[in-house]
N, C-alpha and C. Protein backbone atom coordinates (compact mmCIF):
# COMPACT_ATOMS: atom_id res chain seq x y z
N MET A 1 0.82 -1.20 0.00
CA MET A 1 0.00 0.00 0.00
C MET A 1 0.86 1.26 0.00
N ILE A 2 1.92 1.22 0.80
CA ILE A 2 2.80 2.39 0.86
C ILE A 2 3.48 2.63 -0.48
N ASN A 3 3.82 1.54 -1.20
CA ASN A 3 4.45 1.71 -2.51
C ASN A 3 3.53 2.41 -3.49
N ARG A 4 2.23 2.15 -3.40
CA ARG A 4 1.27 2.84 -4.26
C ARG A 4 1.22 4.33 -3.93
N ILE A 5 1.23 4.62 -2.66
CA ILE A 5 1.21 6.02 -2.24
C ILE A 5 2.49 6.73 -2.71
N ASP A 6 3.63 6.05 -2.61
CA ASP A 6 4.88 6.63 -3.11
C ASP A 6 4.79 6.92 -4.60
N ALA A 7 4.20 6.01 -5.37
CA ALA A 7 4.08 6.21 -6.82
C ALA A 7 3.15 7.38 -7.14
N VAL A 8 2.07 7.51 -6.39
CA VAL A 8 1.14 8.63 -6.62
C VAL A 8 1.81 9.96 -6.29
N ILE A 9 2.55 9.99 -5.20
CA ILE A 9 3.26 11.22 -4.83
C ILE A 9 4.30 11.56 -5.90
N SER A 10 4.97 10.56 -6.44
CA SER A 10 5.95 10.79 -7.50
C SER A 10 5.28 11.31 -8.76
N ALA A 11 4.08 10.80 -9.05
CA ALA A 11 3.35 11.28 -10.23
C ALA A 11 2.97 12.75 -10.08
N PHE A 12 2.56 13.13 -8.87
CA PHE A 12 2.27 14.55 -8.63
C PHE A 12 3.55 15.39 -8.72
N GLY A 13 4.68 14.80 -8.35
CA GLY A 13 5.95 15.50 -8.50
C GLY A 13 6.28 15.77 -9.96
N VAL A 14 6.00 14.80 -10.82
CA VAL A 14 6.22 15.00 -12.26
C VAL A 14 5.29 16.07 -12.79
N LEU A 15 4.06 16.07 -12.32
CA LEU A 15 3.11 17.11 -12.74
C LEU A 15 3.61 18.50 -12.32
N ALA A 16 4.08 18.60 -11.09
CA ALA A 16 4.60 19.89 -10.61
C ALA A 16 5.86 20.30 -11.38
N GLY A 17 6.72 19.34 -11.67
CA GLY A 17 7.92 19.63 -12.45
C GLY A 17 7.60 20.12 -13.85
N THR A 18 6.57 19.53 -14.45
CA THR A 18 6.15 19.95 -15.78
C THR A 18 5.60 21.37 -15.76
N VAL A 19 4.80 21.67 -14.76
CA VAL A 19 4.25 23.03 -14.63
C VAL A 19 5.38 24.04 -14.45
N LEU A 20 6.35 23.70 -13.63
CA LEU A 20 7.48 24.61 -13.42
C LEU A 20 8.31 24.79 -14.68
N LEU A 21 8.49 23.73 -15.46
CA LEU A 21 9.23 23.85 -16.71
C LEU A 21 8.49 24.73 -17.71
N VAL A 22 7.18 24.57 -17.80
CA VAL A 22 6.38 25.41 -18.71
C VAL A 22 6.47 26.87 -18.28
N ALA A 23 6.39 27.12 -16.98
CA ALA A 23 6.51 28.49 -16.48
C ALA A 23 7.89 29.06 -16.77
N ALA A 24 8.92 28.23 -16.64
CA ALA A 24 10.29 28.70 -16.92
C ALA A 24 10.47 29.05 -18.39
N VAL A 25 9.88 28.25 -19.27
CA VAL A 25 9.98 28.54 -20.71
C VAL A 25 9.24 29.84 -21.04
N ARG A 26 8.08 30.03 -20.43
CA ARG A 26 7.35 31.29 -20.67
C ARG A 26 8.14 32.50 -20.17
N GLU A 27 8.75 32.36 -19.01
CA GLU A 27 9.57 33.46 -18.49
C GLU A 27 10.79 33.71 -19.38
N TYR A 28 11.36 32.64 -19.92
CA TYR A 28 12.52 32.80 -20.81
C TYR A 28 12.12 33.56 -22.07
N HIS A 29 10.94 33.28 -22.58
CA HIS A 29 10.47 34.02 -23.75
C HIS A 29 10.18 35.48 -23.42
N SER A 30 9.94 35.76 -22.15
CA SER A 30 9.71 37.14 -21.73
C SER A 30 10.99 37.88 -21.42
N GLY A 31 12.13 37.18 -21.50
CA GLY A 31 13.41 37.85 -21.29
C GLY A 31 14.16 37.41 -20.06
N ALA A 32 13.70 36.41 -19.35
CA ALA A 32 14.39 35.95 -18.14
C ALA A 32 15.60 35.11 -18.52
N SER A 33 16.37 34.74 -17.54
CA SER A 33 17.58 33.97 -17.74
C SER A 33 17.27 32.55 -18.22
N ALA A 34 18.17 32.02 -19.04
CA ALA A 34 18.02 30.65 -19.53
C ALA A 34 18.27 29.63 -18.43
N LEU A 35 18.87 30.06 -17.34
CA LEU A 35 19.12 29.14 -16.23
C LEU A 35 17.82 28.62 -15.61
N TRP A 36 16.74 29.39 -15.72
CA TRP A 36 15.45 28.92 -15.21
C TRP A 36 14.99 27.71 -16.01
N VAL A 37 15.20 27.73 -17.31
CA VAL A 37 14.81 26.60 -18.15
C VAL A 37 15.66 25.37 -17.81
N VAL A 38 16.94 25.59 -17.61
CA VAL A 38 17.84 24.49 -17.25
C VAL A 38 17.43 23.90 -15.90
N ALA A 39 17.15 24.76 -14.94
CA ALA A 39 16.73 24.29 -13.61
C ALA A 39 15.40 23.54 -13.69
N GLY A 40 14.47 24.03 -14.48
CA GLY A 40 13.18 23.36 -14.64
C GLY A 40 13.33 22.00 -15.30
N ALA A 41 14.18 21.92 -16.32
CA ALA A 41 14.41 20.65 -17.00
C ALA A 41 15.09 19.65 -16.08
N LEU A 42 16.03 20.12 -15.29
CA LEU A 42 16.72 19.24 -14.35
C LEU A 42 15.74 18.71 -13.29
N LEU A 43 14.91 19.58 -12.80
CA LEU A 43 13.91 19.16 -11.81
C LEU A 43 12.94 18.14 -12.41
N LEU A 44 12.53 18.34 -13.65
CA LEU A 44 11.64 17.39 -14.30
C LEU A 44 12.31 16.04 -14.49
N LEU A 45 13.57 16.03 -14.88
CA LEU A 45 14.30 14.77 -15.04
C LEU A 45 14.43 14.02 -13.72
N ILE A 46 14.68 14.74 -12.65
CA ILE A 46 14.81 14.10 -11.33
C ILE A 46 13.48 13.49 -10.91
N THR A 47 12.39 14.22 -11.11
CA THR A 47 11.10 13.68 -10.71
C THR A 47 10.68 12.51 -11.59
N LEU A 48 11.03 12.54 -12.88
CA LEU A 48 10.75 11.41 -13.76
C LEU A 48 11.52 10.18 -13.32
N HIS A 49 12.77 10.37 -12.95
CA HIS A 49 13.59 9.25 -12.47
C HIS A 49 12.97 8.63 -11.23
N THR A 50 12.51 9.47 -10.32
CA THR A 50 11.88 8.99 -9.10
C THR A 50 10.60 8.22 -9.41
N LEU A 51 9.80 8.72 -10.35
CA LEU A 51 8.56 8.04 -10.72
C LEU A 51 8.86 6.67 -11.33
N VAL A 52 9.83 6.61 -12.22
CA VAL A 52 10.18 5.33 -12.85
C VAL A 52 10.66 4.34 -11.79
N ARG A 53 11.47 4.80 -10.86
CA ARG A 53 11.95 3.93 -9.78
C ARG A 53 10.79 3.41 -8.94
N ASP A 54 9.85 4.27 -8.60
CA ASP A 54 8.71 3.85 -7.78
C ASP A 54 7.79 2.89 -8.52
N VAL A 55 7.57 3.13 -9.81
CA VAL A 55 6.70 2.24 -10.59
C VAL A 55 7.37 0.87 -10.75
N ARG A 56 8.66 0.86 -10.99
CA ARG A 56 9.36 -0.43 -11.08
C ARG A 56 9.28 -1.19 -9.77
N ARG A 57 9.45 -0.51 -8.68
CA ARG A 57 9.35 -1.13 -7.36
C ARG A 57 7.93 -1.66 -7.13
N LEU A 58 6.94 -0.92 -7.58
CA LEU A 58 5.55 -1.34 -7.42
C LEU A 58 5.24 -2.58 -8.26
N ARG A 59 5.77 -2.61 -9.48
CA ARG A 59 5.49 -3.73 -10.38
C ARG A 59 6.19 -5.01 -9.94
N THR A 60 7.38 -4.90 -9.40
CA THR A 60 8.11 -6.11 -9.01
C THR A 60 7.79 -6.54 -7.60
N GLY A 61 7.18 -5.66 -6.81
CA GLY A 61 6.84 -6.01 -5.45
C GLY A 61 8.01 -5.95 -4.50
N GLN A 62 9.10 -5.33 -4.91
CA GLN A 62 10.28 -5.21 -4.05
C GLN A 62 10.08 -4.11 -3.04
N GLY A 63 10.81 -4.20 -1.98
CA GLY A 63 10.80 -3.15 -0.99
C GLY A 63 9.47 -3.00 -0.30
N GLN A 64 8.84 -4.10 0.03
CA GLN A 64 7.56 -4.04 0.73
C GLN A 64 7.73 -3.32 2.05
N LYS A 65 7.01 -2.24 2.20
CA LYS A 65 7.08 -1.47 3.44
C LYS A 65 5.88 -1.82 4.31
N ILE A 66 6.11 -1.79 5.57
CA ILE A 66 5.02 -2.10 6.51
C ILE A 66 4.45 -0.82 7.06
């Protein structure tokens, strides 16, 4: 059960990372620094990695938490 909750939280993290990346791209088009886009992309990659790890753990049944 806890693994499912971890996967759902990771999915919301990917959603938040995507929103931040879209906001960073919009700000970049308005004249902001390109570092915002880089930071947003890095954050999205980290959250995607976490989601993939949690889904794999959920599918294989490893790491059963009590």
